[in-house]
Amino acid sequence: MRLVQRTTPSPPPDPSGRWRRDPELLRDVALVSAAGGVVGVSFGAIAVAGGLPVWVPVVMSLVVYAGSAQFSAVGVLLAGGGPVAAAATGLLLNTRTAAFSLAIAESIGTGRVARLVGAHLVTDETVAFALAQRDPARRRAAFWLSGVALFAVWNLGVLLGALAGTALGDTATYGLDAAFPAVLVALVLPALREDAGLRRAALPGAAVALALTPAVPAGVPVLLALTGLFLHRAPVRKEAA
């Protein structure tokens, strides 16, 4: 007589538990969120100091939630442009997120609510955090952790900056606009050191962005830097004999 051993199925992986045990991920998310909050303060203050009512940058941050697009749209409004021109500028700068969404579609989830909310949280930073993880469960956890944290801190920063208004004076004096990209560069450097293919793509893309920065609106250089992806080559894996 054969005995059939019954085994209890193991519980599904818990993404939240994974990031709780990953202090490096928590640290990186905290750093980027803090930098995003500082830039959010700058955005809110610039918008209100330029003459816009407090509710405009606050509502824009909740509904649009796109840093470079928001700065450009407000710049158009403050320069005398209409809402149509401002919206068109923001849409142009955000076209890159369409490609980002395709790259991390599986990490967002399959439910309608998850995809709707997740699509709103897709940014350069959340995509970078997600793609840095090799395990699918960790990738999903990293996306949602960074997405929720960045959204909350960004909007809080915008609210504080808008309420402060002109009290901060010229935000460029404090170097607030440089905090966010500086932290992002620090997070990207380890991946560039490890992957020659990424370097081949990133360096020409960065050169394109730097060369065009004085000639195009804010945010467009980031979009044009994606041309460096044409030079990316995935690492060739050697199969064991």
Protein backbone atom coordinates (compact mmCIF):
# COMPACT_ATOMS: atom_id res chain seq x y z
CA MET A 1 0.00 0.00 0.00
CA ARG A 2 1.34 3.38 -0.95
CA LEU A 3 1.17 6.23 1.49
CA VAL A 4 0.44 9.62 0.03
CA GLN A 5 2.07 12.40 1.95
CA ARG A 6 -0.02 15.51 2.11
CA THR A 7 1.84 18.78 2.06
CA THR A 8 0.48 22.10 3.07
CA PRO A 9 0.88 24.62 0.25
CA SER A 10 3.24 27.41 1.11
CA PRO A 11 1.69 30.87 1.41
CA PRO A 12 2.20 33.32 -1.44
CA PRO A 13 5.16 35.67 -1.14
CA ASP A 14 4.52 38.83 0.79
CA PRO A 15 6.00 41.80 -1.09
CA SER A 16 5.57 44.09 1.90
CA GLY A 17 7.58 41.74 4.06
CA ARG A 18 10.34 41.73 1.48
CA TRP A 19 10.90 45.48 1.52
CA ARG A 20 10.68 45.58 5.30
CA ARG A 21 13.75 43.34 5.33
CA ASP A 22 15.57 45.47 2.79
CA PRO A 23 17.08 48.46 4.61
CA GLU A 24 18.96 49.59 1.50
CA LEU A 25 15.74 49.94 -0.48
CA LEU A 26 14.08 51.81 2.37
CA ARG A 27 17.08 54.13 2.64
CA ASP A 28 17.12 54.87 -1.09
CA VAL A 29 13.38 55.50 -1.21
CA ALA A 30 13.66 57.80 1.80
CA LEU A 31 16.48 59.80 0.19
CA VAL A 32 14.68 60.23 -3.12
CA SER A 33 11.42 61.08 -1.37
CA ALA A 34 13.15 63.71 0.75
CA ALA A 35 14.74 65.26 -2.33
CA GLY A 36 11.38 65.16 -4.11
CA GLY A 37 9.77 66.96 -1.20
CA VAL A 38 12.37 69.71 -1.37
CA VAL A 39 11.74 70.18 -5.09
CA GLY A 40 7.99 70.12 -4.38
CA VAL A 41 8.45 73.02 -1.96
CA SER A 42 10.32 74.87 -4.69
CA PHE A 43 7.55 74.24 -7.22
CA GLY A 44 4.78 75.39 -4.90
CA ALA A 45 6.68 78.53 -3.93
CA ILE A 46 7.56 79.43 -7.52
CA ALA A 47 3.96 79.02 -8.68
CA VAL A 48 2.49 81.19 -5.92
CA ALA A 49 5.28 83.77 -6.05
CA GLY A 50 4.58 84.12 -9.77
CA GLY A 51 0.99 85.13 -9.08
CA LEU A 52 -0.94 81.86 -9.22
CA PRO A 53 -3.42 81.07 -6.42
CA VAL A 54 -2.43 78.41 -3.87
CA TRP A 55 -4.92 75.86 -5.15
CA VAL A 56 -3.41 75.73 -8.67
CA PRO A 57 -0.07 74.04 -7.84
CA VAL A 58 -1.75 71.87 -5.17
CA VAL A 59 -4.46 70.51 -7.48
CA MET A 60 -2.01 70.19 -10.36
CA SER A 61 0.30 68.07 -8.22
CA LEU A 62 -2.52 65.76 -7.19
CA VAL A 63 -4.00 65.34 -10.66
CA VAL A 64 -1.01 65.66 -12.98
CA TYR A 65 1.82 64.53 -10.69
CA ALA A 66 4.75 65.08 -13.03
CA GLY A 67 7.56 67.29 -11.79
CA SER A 68 9.16 68.50 -15.03
CA ALA A 69 5.79 68.78 -16.79
CA GLN A 70 4.39 70.82 -13.90
CA PHE A 71 7.35 73.22 -13.88
CA SER A 72 7.05 73.70 -17.64
CA ALA A 73 3.28 74.18 -17.56
CA VAL A 74 3.53 76.76 -14.79
CA GLY A 75 6.32 78.48 -16.69
CA VAL A 76 4.04 78.78 -19.72
CA LEU A 77 1.21 80.18 -17.58
CA LEU A 78 3.45 82.71 -15.84
CA ALA A 79 4.86 83.80 -19.20
CA GLY A 80 1.36 84.67 -20.39
CA GLY A 81 0.48 81.48 -22.24
CA GLY A 82 -2.98 80.00 -22.10
CA PRO A 83 -4.06 76.75 -20.41
CA VAL A 84 -4.09 74.91 -23.76
CA ALA A 85 -0.43 75.72 -24.40
CA ALA A 86 0.46 74.76 -20.83
CA ALA A 87 -1.37 71.43 -21.11
CA ALA A 88 0.24 70.68 -24.47
CA THR A 89 3.69 71.32 -23.00
CA GLY A 90 3.02 68.99 -20.09
CA LEU A 91 1.70 66.23 -22.36
CA LEU A 92 4.76 66.47 -24.59
CA LEU A 93 7.15 66.13 -21.69
CA ASN A 94 5.24 63.18 -20.25
CA THR A 95 5.26 61.06 -23.41
CA ARG A 96 8.25 59.15 -22.05
CA THR A 97 6.08 57.63 -19.31
CA ALA A 98 4.22 55.63 -21.98
CA ALA A 99 7.38 53.62 -22.64
CA PHE A 100 8.05 53.39 -18.90
CA SER A 101 4.58 51.94 -18.30
CA LEU A 102 5.17 49.18 -20.83
CA ALA A 103 8.48 48.31 -19.20
CA ILE A 104 6.97 47.76 -15.74
CA ALA A 105 3.39 46.75 -16.60
CA GLU A 106 3.79 43.40 -14.83
CA SER A 107 5.09 45.09 -11.70
CA ILE A 108 2.04 47.33 -11.39
CA GLY A 109 -0.48 44.48 -11.20
CA THR A 110 -3.34 43.02 -13.18
CA GLY A 111 -6.45 44.46 -11.52
CA ARG A 112 -8.16 47.53 -12.95
CA VAL A 113 -7.76 49.55 -9.78
CA ALA A 114 -4.09 48.60 -9.47
CA ARG A 115 -3.39 49.57 -13.06
CA LEU A 116 -5.29 52.85 -12.77
CA VAL A 117 -3.54 53.91 -9.57
CA GLY A 118 -0.20 52.46 -10.63
CA ALA A 119 -0.25 54.32 -13.94
CA HIS A 120 -0.58 57.57 -11.99
CA LEU A 121 2.49 56.68 -9.92
CA VAL A 122 4.75 55.90 -12.89
CA THR A 123 7.69 58.31 -12.79
CA ASP A 124 11.38 58.17 -13.65
CA GLU A 125 12.14 57.30 -10.04
CA THR A 126 9.56 54.55 -9.47
CA VAL A 127 10.57 52.88 -12.74
CA ALA A 128 14.23 53.02 -11.74
CA PHE A 129 13.48 51.46 -8.35
CA ALA A 130 11.37 48.70 -9.90
CA LEU A 131 13.77 47.75 -12.68
CA ALA A 132 16.68 47.63 -10.25
CA GLN A 133 15.11 44.54 -8.64
CA ARG A 134 15.63 41.14 -10.25
CA ASP A 135 12.90 39.27 -8.38
CA PRO A 136 9.32 39.97 -9.64
CA ALA A 137 7.91 40.21 -6.11
CA ARG A 138 10.63 42.62 -5.02
CA ARG A 139 10.12 44.61 -8.22
CA ARG A 140 6.43 45.07 -7.46
CA ALA A 141 7.10 45.94 -3.83
CA ALA A 142 9.76 48.49 -4.82
CA PHE A 143 7.43 50.15 -7.32
CA TRP A 144 4.53 50.55 -4.90
CA LEU A 145 6.69 51.54 -1.95
CA SER A 146 8.54 54.23 -3.90
CA GLY A 147 5.39 55.30 -5.74
CA VAL A 148 3.27 55.89 -2.65
CA ALA A 149 6.13 57.52 -0.72
CA LEU A 150 7.09 59.88 -3.53
CA PHE A 151 3.47 60.85 -4.23
CA ALA A 152 2.80 61.66 -0.58
CA VAL A 153 6.01 63.61 0.04
CA TRP A 154 5.85 65.50 -3.27
CA ASN A 155 2.31 66.73 -2.65
CA LEU A 156 3.09 67.64 0.95
CA GLY A 157 6.10 69.63 -0.25
CA VAL A 158 4.05 71.44 -2.89
CA LEU A 159 1.42 72.36 -0.29
CA LEU A 160 4.04 73.72 2.11
CA GLY A 161 5.77 75.68 -0.65
CA ALA A 162 2.50 77.14 -1.89
CA LEU A 163 1.51 78.22 1.62
CA ALA A 164 4.94 79.77 2.16
CA GLY A 165 4.49 81.74 -1.06
CA THR A 166 6.87 84.62 -1.42
CA ALA A 167 8.34 84.16 2.06
CA LEU A 168 11.06 81.88 0.65
CA GLY A 169 12.19 84.43 -1.90
CA ASP A 170 14.15 83.10 -4.86
CA THR A 171 14.20 79.31 -4.43
CA ALA A 172 17.18 78.99 -6.77
CA THR A 173 19.27 80.77 -4.13
CA TYR A 174 18.99 77.72 -1.86
CA GLY A 175 19.86 75.25 -4.58
CA LEU A 176 16.53 73.48 -4.18
CA ASP A 177 16.32 72.66 -7.87
CA ALA A 178 19.58 70.68 -7.71
CA ALA A 179 18.73 68.42 -4.76
CA PHE A 180 16.54 65.96 -6.62
CA PRO A 181 18.77 65.24 -9.65
CA ALA A 182 21.81 64.98 -7.37
CA VAL A 183 20.22 62.20 -5.32
CA LEU A 184 19.01 60.43 -8.46
CA VAL A 185 22.49 60.45 -9.95
CA ALA A 186 23.89 58.96 -6.74
CA LEU A 187 21.41 56.09 -6.99
CA VAL A 188 22.13 55.40 -10.66
CA LEU A 189 25.93 55.33 -10.39
CA PRO A 190 26.19 51.78 -8.92
CA ALA A 191 24.22 50.32 -11.85
CA LEU A 192 26.41 52.17 -14.34
CA ARG A 193 29.56 50.79 -12.74
CA GLU A 194 28.31 47.21 -12.98
CA ASP A 195 26.79 47.19 -16.49
CA ALA A 196 28.84 48.24 -19.52
CA GLY A 197 25.71 48.11 -21.69
CA LEU A 198 24.03 50.71 -19.52
CA ARG A 199 27.08 52.94 -19.76
CA ARG A 200 27.02 52.74 -23.55
CA ALA A 201 23.43 53.96 -23.48
CA ALA A 202 23.59 56.42 -20.57
CA LEU A 203 26.68 58.41 -21.51
CA PRO A 204 25.56 59.41 -25.04
CA GLY A 205 22.06 60.08 -23.69
CA ALA A 206 23.48 62.35 -21.00
CA ALA A 207 25.60 64.15 -23.60
CA VAL A 208 22.50 64.79 -25.73
CA ALA A 209 20.59 66.12 -22.72
CA LEU A 210 23.42 68.45 -21.65
CA ALA A 211 23.94 69.79 -25.17
CA LEU A 212 20.26 70.59 -25.68
CA THR A 213 19.44 71.91 -22.20
CA PRO A 214 20.11 75.59 -23.08
CA ALA A 215 17.99 75.39 -26.24
CA VAL A 216 14.83 73.48 -25.27
CA PRO A 217 12.21 73.76 -22.49
CA ALA A 218 12.76 72.06 -19.14
CA GLY A 219 12.01 68.35 -19.25
CA VAL A 220 12.59 67.93 -22.99
CA PRO A 221 16.31 67.04 -22.53
CA VAL A 222 15.26 64.04 -20.40
CA LEU A 223 12.98 62.87 -23.19
CA LEU A 224 15.65 63.30 -25.86
CA ALA A 225 18.20 61.48 -23.69
CA LEU A 226 16.25 58.29 -24.40
CA THR A 227 17.96 58.21 -27.81
CA GLY A 228 20.88 56.64 -25.98
CA LEU A 229 18.80 53.45 -25.64
CA PHE A 230 19.51 52.68 -29.30
CA LEU A 231 23.07 51.90 -28.22
CA HIS A 232 22.07 49.59 -25.38
CA ARG A 233 23.01 45.96 -25.70
CA ALA A 234 21.77 43.35 -23.26
CA PRO A 235 24.57 41.30 -21.66
CA VAL A 236 25.13 37.96 -23.34
CA ARG A 237 24.65 35.05 -20.97
CA LYS A 238 26.97 32.11 -21.40
CA GLU A 239 25.17 28.79 -21.24
CA ALA A 240 26.77 26.10 -19.15
CA ALA A 241 28.19 23.26 -21.22
